[in-house]
Amino acid sequence: MASRVSTKLPTYKIHCCPNRTHLVEKFRLYPHQTKAKQRYLLNFDVATQIASKLDVANSLVYECNPGAGVLTRALLNHGARRIVGLEHNRKFLPYLRELELESHGRFKVEYADIGKLDVAGPGTPPAISSHKLLEGINKVSWSHEHLVAKLIGIEKEKTAHANFMNLLHHMLRCSGFFSHGRIEVALLFTGDRAQKLLAQPGDSMYNRLAILTWMLCDVRLLHMESNLSFNPLPSMGYSDPPPQMHLISLIPKQDFKLRVPPHCILLVPKFLKLLTVKKSQPLACAIESISPGSSILLRELGLPRNVKPMDLTPYQYKLLFELFFNWEDSMLDFLIE
């Protein structure tokens, strides 16, 4: 659970939350002929229902892609201590700055893109650094029960996979956005990405994204909401029944520790990618192609030689990573290239 403060916060009062039709007109979020790059939640009743699932009372919240601020208002209503909105679309900024004034210091908007968090180079906005986002935030031990904050929002579909993998890589190293302690990630994912994220060993959708996520986090499906609740809508409509967005909570495991040499942490995601690139071949063949002789490690884990990459659980992969990167005969040249 997130850190609590002793003082009771006043309930945020909604003086005016324009209806969905008005917001569609105001921000020109009309039906698209092509797939929308970003969905926005404009229905306050739905936003209130989603906010009720997130346990934000007295929490610091980073909200990615707040858009018109409808979910922001609902989160404030549910007692969020402070919200930092990360909005990459300039057309929403004036509207969100009005909400800043209305919130009496509990909401602040940054022209920022979560997909450009800690990018190399000068960091011109909407790029933003974790150092700036975490400025003034006290560090909390990874093993402590309290969370530093929550990252909440709707995935940016065009760059969703790369953005999410970037977060997982920093989580793995306890660096960047996760350098001050554990932060819950609770995002609304499209149905296909949610299927991949929630997949288990043996499922046809099981993949390295699920392996890394379940290895690092406690994962919960909090809510499912029809795509009809989000704008822009597709001009041709949805199938019947319409697809659903999935609100999934990822809380970094309090007791997680990957026992590999520090200089090898960065190699783990690439190692996993190489092991799983050919799902139908035996895992022994994949690991031998990386470091000859290393298939012996599968035997140490009690795995048959013909085991496939997608047969292993996330925990078994964790044990394999620890064995491989501590094995004195491992060859890392292939991973470093």
C-alpha atoms as a PDB file:
ATOM      1  CA  MET A   1       0.000   0.000   0.000  1.00  0.00           C
ATOM      2  CA  ALA A   2       1.096   3.561  -0.573  1.00  0.00           C
ATOM      3  CA  SER A   3       2.557   5.846   2.075  1.00  0.00           C
ATOM      4  CA  ARG A   4      -0.045   7.475   4.304  1.00  0.00           C
ATOM      5  CA  VAL A   5      -0.062  10.898   5.893  1.00  0.00           C
ATOM      6  CA  SER A   6      -1.677  11.696   9.213  1.00  0.00           C
ATOM      7  CA  THR A   7      -3.631  14.763   8.135  1.00  0.00           C
ATOM      8  CA  LYS A   8      -7.030  14.226   6.560  1.00  0.00           C
ATOM      9  CA  LEU A   9      -7.333  15.791   3.120  1.00  0.00           C
ATOM     10  CA  PRO A  10     -10.433  17.773   2.184  1.00  0.00           C
ATOM     11  CA  THR A  11     -12.670  16.156  -0.405  1.00  0.00           C
ATOM     12  CA  TYR A  12     -12.080  17.646  -3.845  1.00  0.00           C
ATOM     13  CA  LYS A  13     -15.241  19.312  -5.104  1.00  0.00           C
ATOM     14  CA  ILE A  14     -16.260  19.104  -8.760  1.00  0.00           C
ATOM     15  CA  HIS A  15     -17.573  22.534  -9.665  1.00  0.00           C
ATOM     16  CA  CYS A  16     -17.849  21.779 -13.350  1.00  0.00           C
ATOM     17  CA  CYS A  17     -17.005  18.589 -15.225  1.00  0.00           C
ATOM     18  CA  PRO A  18     -18.151  19.081 -18.845  1.00  0.00           C
ATOM     19  CA  ASN A  19     -19.973  16.166 -20.395  1.00  0.00           C
ATOM     20  CA  ARG A  20     -18.419  13.837 -22.916  1.00  0.00           C
ATOM     21  CA  THR A  21     -20.064  15.399 -25.975  1.00  0.00           C
ATOM     22  CA  HIS A  22     -18.758  18.851 -25.030  1.00  0.00           C
ATOM     23  CA  LEU A  23     -15.214  17.517 -24.552  1.00  0.00           C
ATOM     24  CA  VAL A  24     -15.284  15.649 -27.878  1.00  0.00           C
ATOM     25  CA  GLU A  25     -16.202  18.926 -29.589  1.00  0.00           C
ATOM     26  CA  LYS A  26     -13.750  21.042 -27.606  1.00  0.00           C
ATOM     27  CA  PHE A  27     -10.735  18.833 -28.340  1.00  0.00           C
ATOM     28  CA  ARG A  28     -11.938  17.534 -31.726  1.00  0.00           C
ATOM     29  CA  LEU A  29     -11.763  13.902 -30.677  1.00  0.00           C
ATOM     30  CA  TYR A  30     -14.022  12.801 -33.513  1.00  0.00           C
ATOM     31  CA  PRO A  31     -14.214   9.212 -34.804  1.00  0.00           C
ATOM     32  CA  HIS A  32     -11.040   8.132 -36.617  1.00  0.00           C
ATOM     33  CA  GLN A  33     -10.808   6.198 -39.850  1.00  0.00           C
ATOM     34  CA  THR A  34      -7.415   4.915 -38.753  1.00  0.00           C
ATOM     35  CA  LYS A  35      -6.432   3.426 -35.407  1.00  0.00           C
ATOM     36  CA  ALA A  36      -6.107   6.117 -32.735  1.00  0.00           C
ATOM     37  CA  LYS A  37      -2.616   6.660 -31.344  1.00  0.00           C
ATOM     38  CA  GLN A  38      -4.012   7.585 -27.941  1.00  0.00           C
ATOM     39  CA  ARG A  39      -7.356   6.963 -26.262  1.00  0.00           C
ATOM     40  CA  TYR A  40      -8.889   9.385 -23.766  1.00  0.00           C
ATOM     41  CA  LEU A  41     -11.441   8.843 -21.029  1.00  0.00           C
ATOM     42  CA  LEU A  42     -14.121  11.556 -21.161  1.00  0.00           C
ATOM     43  CA  ASN A  43     -16.926   9.863 -19.225  1.00  0.00           C
ATOM     44  CA  PHE A  44     -16.832  11.018 -15.591  1.00  0.00           C
ATOM     45  CA  ASP A  45     -19.023   8.166 -14.304  1.00  0.00           C
ATOM     46  CA  VAL A  46     -16.643   5.600 -15.803  1.00  0.00           C
ATOM     47  CA  ALA A  47     -13.651   7.561 -14.488  1.00  0.00           C
ATOM     48  CA  THR A  48     -15.151   7.498 -10.996  1.00  0.00           C
ATOM     49  CA  GLN A  49     -15.628   3.734 -11.203  1.00  0.00           C
ATOM     50  CA  ILE A  50     -12.027   3.240 -12.332  1.00  0.00           C
ATOM     51  CA  ALA A  51     -10.678   5.561  -9.624  1.00  0.00           C
ATOM     52  CA  SER A  52     -12.523   3.521  -6.990  1.00  0.00           C
ATOM     53  CA  LYS A  53     -10.439   0.460  -7.957  1.00  0.00           C
ATOM     54  CA  LEU A  54      -7.070   2.183  -7.475  1.00  0.00           C
ATOM     55  CA  ASP A  55      -6.832   2.895  -3.717  1.00  0.00           C
ATOM     56  CA  VAL A  56      -5.264   6.331  -4.212  1.00  0.00           C
ATOM     57  CA  ALA A  57      -6.252   7.875  -0.865  1.00  0.00           C
ATOM     58  CA  ASN A  58      -3.296   9.924   0.487  1.00  0.00           C
ATOM     59  CA  SER A  59      -1.058   8.668  -2.356  1.00  0.00           C
ATOM     60  CA  LEU A  60       1.303  10.514  -4.665  1.00  0.00           C
ATOM     61  CA  VAL A  61       0.093   9.786  -8.202  1.00  0.00           C
ATOM     62  CA  TYR A  62       1.820  10.259 -11.547  1.00  0.00           C
ATOM     63  CA  GLU A  63      -0.859  10.259 -14.222  1.00  0.00           C
ATOM     64  CA  CYS A  64       0.316   9.640 -17.773  1.00  0.00           C
ATOM     65  CA  ASN A  65      -1.752  11.057 -20.634  1.00  0.00           C
ATOM     66  CA  PRO A  66      -4.463  12.758 -18.514  1.00  0.00           C
ATOM     67  CA  GLY A  67      -5.973  14.438 -21.583  1.00  0.00           C
ATOM     68  CA  ALA A  68      -9.009  16.459 -20.512  1.00  0.00           C
ATOM     69  CA  GLY A  69      -8.410  15.634 -16.841  1.00  0.00           C
ATOM     70  CA  VAL A  70     -11.587  13.594 -16.325  1.00  0.00           C
ATOM     71  CA  LEU A  71      -9.814  10.712 -14.566  1.00  0.00           C
ATOM     72  CA  THR A  72      -7.673  13.301 -12.757  1.00  0.00           C
ATOM     73  CA  ARG A  73     -10.790  14.815 -11.180  1.00  0.00           C
ATOM     74  CA  ALA A  74     -12.020  11.368 -10.149  1.00  0.00           C
ATOM     75  CA  LEU A  75      -8.648  10.527  -8.556  1.00  0.00           C
ATOM     76  CA  LEU A  76      -8.714  13.793  -6.614  1.00  0.00           C
ATOM     77  CA  ASN A  77     -12.253  12.982  -5.487  1.00  0.00           C
ATOM     78  CA  HIS A  78     -10.973   9.663  -4.154  1.00  0.00           C
ATOM     79  CA  GLY A  79      -8.385  11.395  -1.979  1.00  0.00           C
ATOM     80  CA  ALA A  80      -5.142  11.382  -3.964  1.00  0.00           C
ATOM     81  CA  ARG A  81      -2.723  13.518  -1.954  1.00  0.00           C
ATOM     82  CA  ARG A  82      -1.010  14.959  -5.027  1.00  0.00           C
ATOM     83  CA  ILE A  83      -1.161  14.229  -8.753  1.00  0.00           C
ATOM     84  CA  VAL A  84       1.498  15.052 -11.312  1.00  0.00           C
ATOM     85  CA  GLY A  85       0.009  14.890 -14.814  1.00  0.00           C
ATOM     86  CA  LEU A  86       2.351  13.928 -17.661  1.00  0.00           C
ATOM     87  CA  GLU A  87       0.684  15.182 -20.845  1.00  0.00           C
ATOM     88  CA  HIS A  88       2.420  15.080 -24.244  1.00  0.00           C
ATOM     89  CA  ASN A  89      -0.371  16.705 -26.292  1.00  0.00           C
ATOM     90  CA  ARG A  90      -0.156  20.506 -26.137  1.00  0.00           C
ATOM     91  CA  LYS A  91      -3.845  21.063 -26.873  1.00  0.00           C
ATOM     92  CA  PHE A  92      -4.787  19.758 -23.416  1.00  0.00           C
ATOM     93  CA  LEU A  93      -2.266  21.856 -21.450  1.00  0.00           C
ATOM     94  CA  PRO A  94      -4.306  25.092 -21.044  1.00  0.00           C
ATOM     95  CA  TYR A  95      -7.304  23.092 -19.831  1.00  0.00           C
ATOM     96  CA  LEU A  96      -5.157  21.109 -17.381  1.00  0.00           C
ATOM     97  CA  ARG A  97      -3.561  24.302 -16.059  1.00  0.00           C
ATOM     98  CA  GLU A  98      -7.057  25.553 -15.203  1.00  0.00           C
ATOM     99  CA  LEU A  99      -7.509  22.344 -13.221  1.00  0.00           C
ATOM    100  CA  GLU A 100      -4.197  23.088 -11.457  1.00  0.00           C
ATOM    101  CA  LEU A 101      -5.670  26.314 -10.076  1.00  0.00           C
ATOM    102  CA  GLU A 102      -8.937  24.641  -9.154  1.00  0.00           C
ATOM    103  CA  SER A 103      -7.201  21.834  -7.233  1.00  0.00           C
ATOM    104  CA  HIS A 104      -5.527  24.148  -4.657  1.00  0.00           C
ATOM    105  CA  GLY A 105      -2.048  22.679  -5.153  1.00  0.00           C
ATOM    106  CA  ARG A 106      -2.992  19.013  -5.347  1.00  0.00           C
ATOM    107  CA  PHE A 107      -2.528  18.737  -9.122  1.00  0.00           C
ATOM    108  CA  LYS A 108       0.350  19.861 -11.309  1.00  0.00           C
ATOM    109  CA  VAL A 109       0.724  19.282 -15.043  1.00  0.00           C
ATOM    110  CA  GLU A 110       4.027  18.763 -16.867  1.00  0.00           C
ATOM    111  CA  TYR A 111       4.473  18.876 -20.628  1.00  0.00           C
ATOM    112  CA  ALA A 112       5.945  15.389 -20.674  1.00  0.00           C
ATOM    113  CA  ASP A 113       5.730  12.038 -22.404  1.00  0.00           C
ATOM    114  CA  ILE A 114       6.187   8.882 -20.312  1.00  0.00           C
ATOM    115  CA  GLY A 115       7.532   7.277 -23.493  1.00  0.00           C
ATOM    116  CA  LYS A 116      10.430   9.775 -23.434  1.00  0.00           C
ATOM    117  CA  LEU A 117      11.382   9.221 -19.821  1.00  0.00           C
ATOM    118  CA  ASP A 118      15.164   9.378 -19.316  1.00  0.00           C
ATOM    119  CA  VAL A 119      15.987   9.445 -23.033  1.00  0.00           C
ATOM    120  CA  ALA A 120      19.574  10.092 -24.064  1.00  0.00           C
ATOM    121  CA  GLY A 121      20.449  13.594 -25.209  1.00  0.00           C
ATOM    122  CA  PRO A 122      19.488  17.082 -24.065  1.00  0.00           C
ATOM    123  CA  GLY A 123      16.013  16.026 -22.898  1.00  0.00           C
ATOM    124  CA  THR A 124      13.974  18.675 -24.708  1.00  0.00           C
ATOM    125  CA  PRO A 125      10.286  18.559 -23.609  1.00  0.00           C
ATOM    126  CA  PRO A 126       8.195  16.474 -23.802  1.00  0.00           C
ATOM    127  CA  ALA A 127      11.193  14.352 -22.795  1.00  0.00           C
ATOM    128  CA  ILE A 128      11.534  14.349 -19.020  1.00  0.00           C
ATOM    129  CA  SER A 129      13.934  12.907 -16.454  1.00  0.00           C
ATOM    130  CA  SER A 130      13.158  10.707 -13.481  1.00  0.00           C
ATOM    131  CA  HIS A 131      15.337  13.059 -11.432  1.00  0.00           C
ATOM    132  CA  LYS A 132      12.900  15.905 -12.088  1.00  0.00           C
ATOM    133  CA  LEU A 133       9.822  13.791 -11.359  1.00  0.00           C
ATOM    134  CA  LEU A 134      11.268  12.475  -8.091  1.00  0.00           C
ATOM    135  CA  GLU A 135      12.711  15.775  -6.894  1.00  0.00           C
ATOM    136  CA  GLY A 136      11.866  16.294  -3.223  1.00  0.00           C
ATOM    137  CA  ILE A 137      10.574  12.722  -2.813  1.00  0.00           C
ATOM    138  CA  ASN A 138      12.040  10.739   0.077  1.00  0.00           C
ATOM    139  CA  LYS A 139      13.578   7.373  -0.749  1.00  0.00           C
ATOM    140  CA  VAL A 140      11.845   4.285   0.635  1.00  0.00           C
ATOM    141  CA  SER A 141      13.620   0.950   1.008  1.00  0.00           C
ATOM    142  CA  TRP A 142      12.563  -1.581  -1.635  1.00  0.00           C
ATOM    143  CA  SER A 143      11.796  -4.046   1.167  1.00  0.00           C
ATOM    144  CA  HIS A 144       9.500  -1.570   2.958  1.00  0.00           C
ATOM    145  CA  GLU A 145       5.762  -2.229   2.717  1.00  0.00           C
ATOM    146  CA  HIS A 146       5.001   1.353   1.654  1.00  0.00           C
ATOM    147  CA  LEU A 147       5.022   2.458  -1.963  1.00  0.00           C
ATOM    148  CA  VAL A 148       6.655   5.695  -3.098  1.00  0.00           C
ATOM    149  CA  ALA A 149       3.865   6.483  -5.571  1.00  0.00           C
ATOM    150  CA  LYS A 150       1.502   5.143  -8.215  1.00  0.00           C
ATOM    151  CA  LEU A 151       1.783   5.547 -12.001  1.00  0.00           C
ATOM    152  CA  ILE A 152      -1.739   5.587 -13.445  1.00  0.00           C
ATOM    153  CA  GLY A 153      -3.139   6.212 -16.898  1.00  0.00           C
ATOM    154  CA  ILE A 154      -3.951   4.898 -20.353  1.00  0.00           C
ATOM    155  CA  GLU A 155      -1.243   3.328 -22.469  1.00  0.00           C
ATOM    156  CA  LYS A 156      -0.044   5.230 -25.533  1.00  0.00           C
ATOM    157  CA  GLU A 157      -0.790   2.583 -28.136  1.00  0.00           C
ATOM    158  CA  LYS A 158       1.737   3.548 -30.793  1.00  0.00           C
ATOM    159  CA  THR A 159       4.728   3.140 -28.443  1.00  0.00           C
ATOM    160  CA  ALA A 160       3.118   1.029 -25.693  1.00  0.00           C
ATOM    161  CA  HIS A 161       5.416  -1.996 -25.933  1.00  0.00           C
ATOM    162  CA  ALA A 162       8.664   0.012 -25.905  1.00  0.00           C
ATOM    163  CA  ASN A 163       7.389   2.269 -23.101  1.00  0.00           C
ATOM    164  CA  PHE A 164       6.390  -0.643 -20.924  1.00  0.00           C
ATOM    165  CA  MET A 165       9.611  -2.578 -21.512  1.00  0.00           C
ATOM    166  CA  ASN A 166      11.562   0.553 -20.547  1.00  0.00           C
ATOM    167  CA  LEU A 167       9.686   0.683 -17.231  1.00  0.00           C
ATOM    168  CA  LEU A 168      10.369  -3.016 -16.606  1.00  0.00           C
ATOM    169  CA  HIS A 169      14.080  -2.586 -17.331  1.00  0.00           C
ATOM    170  CA  HIS A 170      14.325   0.250 -14.785  1.00  0.00           C
ATOM    171  CA  MET A 171      12.313  -1.790 -12.306  1.00  0.00           C
ATOM    172  CA  LEU A 172      14.730  -4.693 -12.753  1.00  0.00           C
ATOM    173  CA  ARG A 173      17.686  -2.410 -11.934  1.00  0.00           C
ATOM    174  CA  CYS A 174      15.851  -0.325  -9.287  1.00  0.00           C
ATOM    175  CA  SER A 175      16.986   2.680 -11.297  1.00  0.00           C
ATOM    176  CA  GLY A 176      15.492   5.763 -12.964  1.00  0.00           C
ATOM    177  CA  PHE A 177      11.823   6.103 -12.074  1.00  0.00           C
ATOM    178  CA  PHE A 178      12.214   3.291  -9.506  1.00  0.00           C
ATOM    179  CA  SER A 179      15.411   4.633  -7.889  1.00  0.00           C
ATOM    180  CA  HIS A 180      13.532   5.948  -4.828  1.00  0.00           C
ATOM    181  CA  GLY A 181      11.634   2.737  -4.108  1.00  0.00           C
ATOM    182  CA  ARG A 182       8.684   0.723  -5.343  1.00  0.00           C
ATOM    183  CA  ILE A 183       6.078   2.443  -7.528  1.00  0.00           C
ATOM    184  CA  GLU A 184       2.839   0.731  -8.491  1.00  0.00           C
ATOM    185  CA  VAL A 185       2.074   0.815 -12.218  1.00  0.00           C
ATOM    186  CA  ALA A 186      -1.675   0.694 -12.928  1.00  0.00           C
ATOM    187  CA  LEU A 187      -2.494   1.232 -16.594  1.00  0.00           C
ATOM    188  CA  LEU A 188      -5.417   0.665 -18.916  1.00  0.00           C
ATOM    189  CA  PHE A 189      -4.159  -1.715 -21.609  1.00  0.00           C
ATOM    190  CA  THR A 190      -5.769  -2.732 -24.886  1.00  0.00           C
ATOM    191  CA  GLY A 191      -7.215  -6.240 -24.935  1.00  0.00           C
ATOM    192  CA  ASP A 192      -4.432  -7.800 -27.020  1.00  0.00           C
ATOM    193  CA  ARG A 193      -1.669  -6.379 -24.828  1.00  0.00           C
ATOM    194  CA  ALA A 194      -3.526  -7.387 -21.679  1.00  0.00           C
ATOM    195  CA  GLN A 195      -3.770 -10.961 -22.966  1.00  0.00           C
ATOM    196  CA  LYS A 196      -0.012 -11.055 -23.476  1.00  0.00           C
ATOM    197  CA  LEU A 197       0.619  -9.496 -20.074  1.00  0.00           C
ATOM    198  CA  LEU A 198      -1.670 -11.902 -18.203  1.00  0.00           C
ATOM    199  CA  ALA A 199      -0.612 -15.036 -20.123  1.00  0.00           C
ATOM    200  CA  GLN A 200       0.705 -18.034 -18.183  1.00  0.00           C
ATOM    201  CA  PRO A 201       3.131 -20.842 -19.165  1.00  0.00           C
ATOM    202  CA  GLY A 202       1.496 -23.079 -21.751  1.00  0.00           C
ATOM    203  CA  ASP A 203      -0.756 -20.315 -23.110  1.00  0.00           C
ATOM    204  CA  SER A 204      -0.309 -19.487 -26.788  1.00  0.00           C
ATOM    205  CA  MET A 205       0.095 -15.802 -25.829  1.00  0.00           C
ATOM    206  CA  TYR A 206       2.838 -16.452 -23.225  1.00  0.00           C
ATOM    207  CA  ASN A 207       5.844 -14.267 -24.043  1.00  0.00           C
ATOM    208  CA  ARG A 208       8.879 -12.479 -22.609  1.00  0.00           C
ATOM    209  CA  LEU A 209       6.756  -9.487 -21.571  1.00  0.00           C
ATOM    210  CA  ALA A 210       4.697 -11.742 -19.295  1.00  0.00           C
ATOM    211  CA  ILE A 211       7.830 -13.529 -18.037  1.00  0.00           C
ATOM    212  CA  LEU A 212       9.562 -10.300 -16.967  1.00  0.00           C
ATOM    213  CA  THR A 213       6.368  -8.779 -15.558  1.00  0.00           C
ATOM    214  CA  TRP A 214       5.398 -11.754 -13.391  1.00  0.00           C
ATOM    215  CA  MET A 215       9.005 -12.254 -12.281  1.00  0.00           C
ATOM    216  CA  LEU A 216       9.198  -8.654 -11.038  1.00  0.00           C
ATOM    217  CA  CYS A 217       5.641  -7.849  -9.950  1.00  0.00           C
ATOM    218  CA  ASP A 218       2.503  -8.941  -8.206  1.00  0.00           C
ATOM    219  CA  VAL A 219      -0.051  -8.666 -11.020  1.00  0.00           C
ATOM    220  CA  ARG A 220      -3.798  -8.051 -10.636  1.00  0.00           C
ATOM    221  CA  LEU A 221      -6.570  -7.400 -13.119  1.00  0.00           C
ATOM    222  CA  LEU A 222      -8.611  -4.651 -11.433  1.00  0.00           C
ATOM    223  CA  HIS A 223     -11.268  -3.769 -13.984  1.00  0.00           C
ATOM    224  CA  MET A 224     -12.404  -4.217 -17.585  1.00  0.00           C
ATOM    225  CA  GLU A 225     -14.089  -1.389 -19.494  1.00  0.00           C
ATOM    226  CA  SER A 226     -15.633  -1.349 -22.959  1.00  0.00           C
ATOM    227  CA  ASN A 227     -13.701   0.504 -25.647  1.00  0.00           C
ATOM    228  CA  LEU A 228     -16.925   2.422 -26.231  1.00  0.00           C
ATOM    229  CA  SER A 229     -16.107   4.449 -23.107  1.00  0.00           C
ATOM    230  CA  PHE A 230     -12.998   5.957 -24.698  1.00  0.00           C
ATOM    231  CA  ASN A 231     -12.461   8.555 -27.436  1.00  0.00           C
ATOM    232  CA  PRO A 232     -11.802   8.871 -30.256  1.00  0.00           C
ATOM    233  CA  LEU A 233     -14.103   6.098 -31.434  1.00  0.00           C
ATOM    234  CA  PRO A 234     -13.415   4.325 -34.754  1.00  0.00           C
ATOM    235  CA  SER A 235     -15.545   5.665 -37.591  1.00  0.00           C
ATOM    236  CA  MET A 236     -16.547   2.127 -38.626  1.00  0.00           C
ATOM    237  CA  GLY A 237     -17.566   1.186 -35.077  1.00  0.00           C
ATOM    238  CA  TYR A 238     -16.517  -1.846 -33.037  1.00  0.00           C
ATOM    239  CA  SER A 239     -17.403  -5.492 -33.341  1.00  0.00           C
ATOM    240  CA  ASP A 240     -20.223  -6.893 -31.206  1.00  0.00           C
ATOM    241  CA  PRO A 241     -19.405  -7.273 -28.382  1.00  0.00           C
ATOM    242  CA  PRO A 242     -16.849  -4.429 -28.468  1.00  0.00           C
ATOM    243  CA  PRO A 243     -13.299  -5.075 -27.222  1.00  0.00           C
ATOM    244  CA  GLN A 244     -12.364  -4.023 -23.712  1.00  0.00           C
ATOM    245  CA  MET A 245      -9.612  -2.060 -22.039  1.00  0.00           C
ATOM    246  CA  HIS A 246      -8.045  -3.829 -19.050  1.00  0.00           C
ATOM    247  CA  LEU A 247      -6.964  -1.994 -15.905  1.00  0.00           C
ATOM    248  CA  ILE A 248      -3.990  -3.976 -14.618  1.00  0.00           C
ATOM    249  CA  SER A 249      -2.035  -3.277 -11.434  1.00  0.00           C
ATOM    250  CA  LEU A 250       1.671  -4.155 -11.286  1.00  0.00           C
ATOM    251  CA  ILE A 251       3.255  -3.802  -7.849  1.00  0.00           C
ATOM    252  CA  PRO A 252       7.017  -4.511  -7.709  1.00  0.00           C
ATOM    253  CA  LYS A 253       7.663  -7.463  -5.429  1.00  0.00           C
ATOM    254  CA  GLN A 254       8.810  -6.383  -2.006  1.00  0.00           C
ATOM    255  CA  ASP A 255      11.177  -9.357  -1.626  1.00  0.00           C
ATOM    256  CA  PHE A 256      12.482  -9.480  -5.209  1.00  0.00           C
ATOM    257  CA  LYS A 257      16.239  -9.784  -5.605  1.00  0.00           C
ATOM    258  CA  LEU A 258      17.992 -11.079  -8.712  1.00  0.00           C
ATOM    259  CA  ARG A 259      21.286 -12.529  -7.554  1.00  0.00           C
ATOM    260  CA  VAL A 260      23.517 -11.820 -10.532  1.00  0.00           C
ATOM    261  CA  PRO A 261      26.695  -9.685 -10.748  1.00  0.00           C
ATOM    262  CA  PRO A 262      25.767  -5.965 -11.017  1.00  0.00           C
ATOM    263  CA  HIS A 263      27.383  -5.621 -14.455  1.00  0.00           C
ATOM    264  CA  CYS A 264      25.140  -8.427 -15.771  1.00  0.00           C
ATOM    265  CA  ILE A 265      21.772  -6.917 -14.816  1.00  0.00           C
ATOM    266  CA  LEU A 266      21.607  -4.987 -18.103  1.00  0.00           C
ATOM    267  CA  LEU A 267      22.128  -8.222 -20.040  1.00  0.00           C
ATOM    268  CA  VAL A 268      19.159 -10.107 -18.561  1.00  0.00           C
ATOM    269  CA  PRO A 269      16.431  -8.721 -20.917  1.00  0.00           C
ATOM    270  CA  LYS A 270      18.570  -9.430 -24.011  1.00  0.00           C
ATOM    271  CA  PHE A 271      19.376 -12.925 -22.728  1.00  0.00           C
ATOM    272  CA  LEU A 272      15.660 -13.596 -22.275  1.00  0.00           C
ATOM    273  CA  LYS A 273      14.922 -12.275 -25.763  1.00  0.00           C
ATOM    274  CA  LEU A 274      17.466 -14.610 -27.330  1.00  0.00           C
ATOM    275  CA  LEU A 275      16.159 -17.590 -25.360  1.00  0.00           C
ATOM    276  CA  THR A 276      12.556 -17.029 -26.466  1.00  0.00           C
ATOM    277  CA  VAL A 277      12.959 -15.821 -30.059  1.00  0.00           C
ATOM    278  CA  LYS A 278      12.188 -19.337 -31.404  1.00  0.00           C
ATOM    279  CA  LYS A 279       9.401 -20.659 -29.210  1.00  0.00           C
ATOM    280  CA  SER A 280       9.219 -24.093 -30.816  1.00  0.00           C
ATOM    281  CA  GLN A 281      12.891 -25.048 -30.483  1.00  0.00           C
ATOM    282  CA  PRO A 282      14.198 -26.723 -27.308  1.00  0.00           C
ATOM    283  CA  LEU A 283      15.523 -24.248 -24.745  1.00  0.00           C
ATOM    284  CA  ALA A 284      18.754 -26.267 -24.660  1.00  0.00           C
ATOM    285  CA  CYS A 285      19.454 -25.326 -28.285  1.00  0.00           C
ATOM    286  CA  ALA A 286      18.865 -21.638 -27.598  1.00  0.00           C
ATOM    287  CA  ILE A 287      21.117 -21.465 -24.561  1.00  0.00           C
ATOM    288  CA  GLU A 288      23.843 -23.514 -26.268  1.00  0.00           C
ATOM    289  CA  SER A 289      23.893 -21.030 -29.163  1.00  0.00           C
ATOM    290  CA  ILE A 290      24.614 -18.259 -26.646  1.00  0.00           C
ATOM    291  CA  SER A 291      27.187 -20.050 -24.514  1.00  0.00           C
ATOM    292  CA  PRO A 292      28.325 -23.572 -25.512  1.00  0.00           C
ATOM    293  CA  GLY A 293      28.012 -26.078 -22.705  1.00  0.00           C
ATOM    294  CA  SER A 294      25.482 -24.038 -20.766  1.00  0.00           C
ATOM    295  CA  SER A 295      22.616 -26.485 -21.341  1.00  0.00           C
ATOM    296  CA  ILE A 296      23.982 -28.321 -18.310  1.00  0.00           C
ATOM    297  CA  LEU A 297      22.314 -25.601 -16.239  1.00  0.00           C
ATOM    298  CA  LEU A 298      18.886 -26.865 -17.293  1.00  0.00           C
ATOM    299  CA  ARG A 299      19.718 -30.188 -15.708  1.00  0.00           C
ATOM    300  CA  GLU A 300      20.641 -28.406 -12.472  1.00  0.00           C
ATOM    301  CA  LEU A 301      17.143 -26.906 -12.466  1.00  0.00           C
ATOM    302  CA  GLY A 302      15.645 -30.357 -12.979  1.00  0.00           C
ATOM    303  CA  LEU A 303      14.368 -29.498 -16.456  1.00  0.00           C
ATOM    304  CA  PRO A 304      14.244 -32.065 -19.291  1.00  0.00           C
ATOM    305  CA  ARG A 305      16.542 -31.417 -22.233  1.00  0.00           C
ATOM    306  CA  ASN A 306      13.592 -31.070 -24.613  1.00  0.00           C
ATOM    307  CA  VAL A 307      11.852 -28.356 -22.551  1.00  0.00           C
ATOM    308  CA  LYS A 308      10.608 -25.424 -24.656  1.00  0.00           C
ATOM    309  CA  PRO A 309      11.191 -21.718 -23.816  1.00  0.00           C
ATOM    310  CA  MET A 310       7.511 -21.117 -23.083  1.00  0.00           C
ATOM    311  CA  ASP A 311       7.243 -24.053 -20.665  1.00  0.00           C
ATOM    312  CA  LEU A 312       9.211 -22.309 -17.896  1.00  0.00           C
ATOM    313  CA  THR A 313       7.525 -20.224 -15.222  1.00  0.00           C
ATOM    314  CA  PRO A 314       8.817 -16.701 -14.470  1.00  0.00           C
ATOM    315  CA  TYR A 315      10.339 -18.041 -11.250  1.00  0.00           C
ATOM    316  CA  GLN A 316      12.193 -20.787 -13.161  1.00  0.00           C
ATOM    317  CA  TYR A 317      13.564 -18.114 -15.503  1.00  0.00           C
ATOM    318  CA  LYS A 318      14.783 -16.145 -12.475  1.00  0.00           C
ATOM    319  CA  LEU A 319      16.669 -19.232 -11.254  1.00  0.00           C
ATOM    320  CA  LEU A 320      18.088 -19.782 -14.755  1.00  0.00           C
ATOM    321  CA  PHE A 321      19.313 -16.160 -14.940  1.00  0.00           C
ATOM    322  CA  GLU A 322      21.061 -16.553 -11.576  1.00  0.00           C
ATOM    323  CA  LEU A 323      22.690 -19.829 -12.578  1.00  0.00           C
ATOM    324  CA  PHE A 324      23.819 -18.602 -15.999  1.00  0.00           C
ATOM    325  CA  PHE A 325      25.302 -15.265 -14.969  1.00  0.00           C
ATOM    326  CA  ASN A 326      27.112 -16.821 -11.996  1.00  0.00           C
ATOM    327  CA  TRP A 327      28.365 -19.835 -13.979  1.00  0.00           C
ATOM    328  CA  GLU A 328      32.119 -19.549 -14.322  1.00  0.00           C
ATOM    329  CA  ASP A 329      32.086 -20.864 -17.903  1.00  0.00           C
ATOM    330  CA  SER A 330      29.405 -18.537 -19.246  1.00  0.00           C
ATOM    331  CA  MET A 331      30.325 -16.598 -22.382  1.00  0.00           C
ATOM    332  CA  LEU A 332      28.777 -13.136 -22.509  1.00  0.00           C
ATOM    333  CA  ASP A 333      30.292 -11.909 -25.794  1.00  0.00           C
ATOM    334  CA  PHE A 334      27.148 -12.773 -27.736  1.00  0.00           C
ATOM    335  CA  LEU A 335      25.015 -10.735 -25.312  1.00  0.00           C
ATOM    336  CA  ILE A 336      27.283  -7.688 -25.288  1.00  0.00           C
ATOM    337  CA  GLU A 337      27.468  -7.365 -29.091  1.00  0.00           C
END
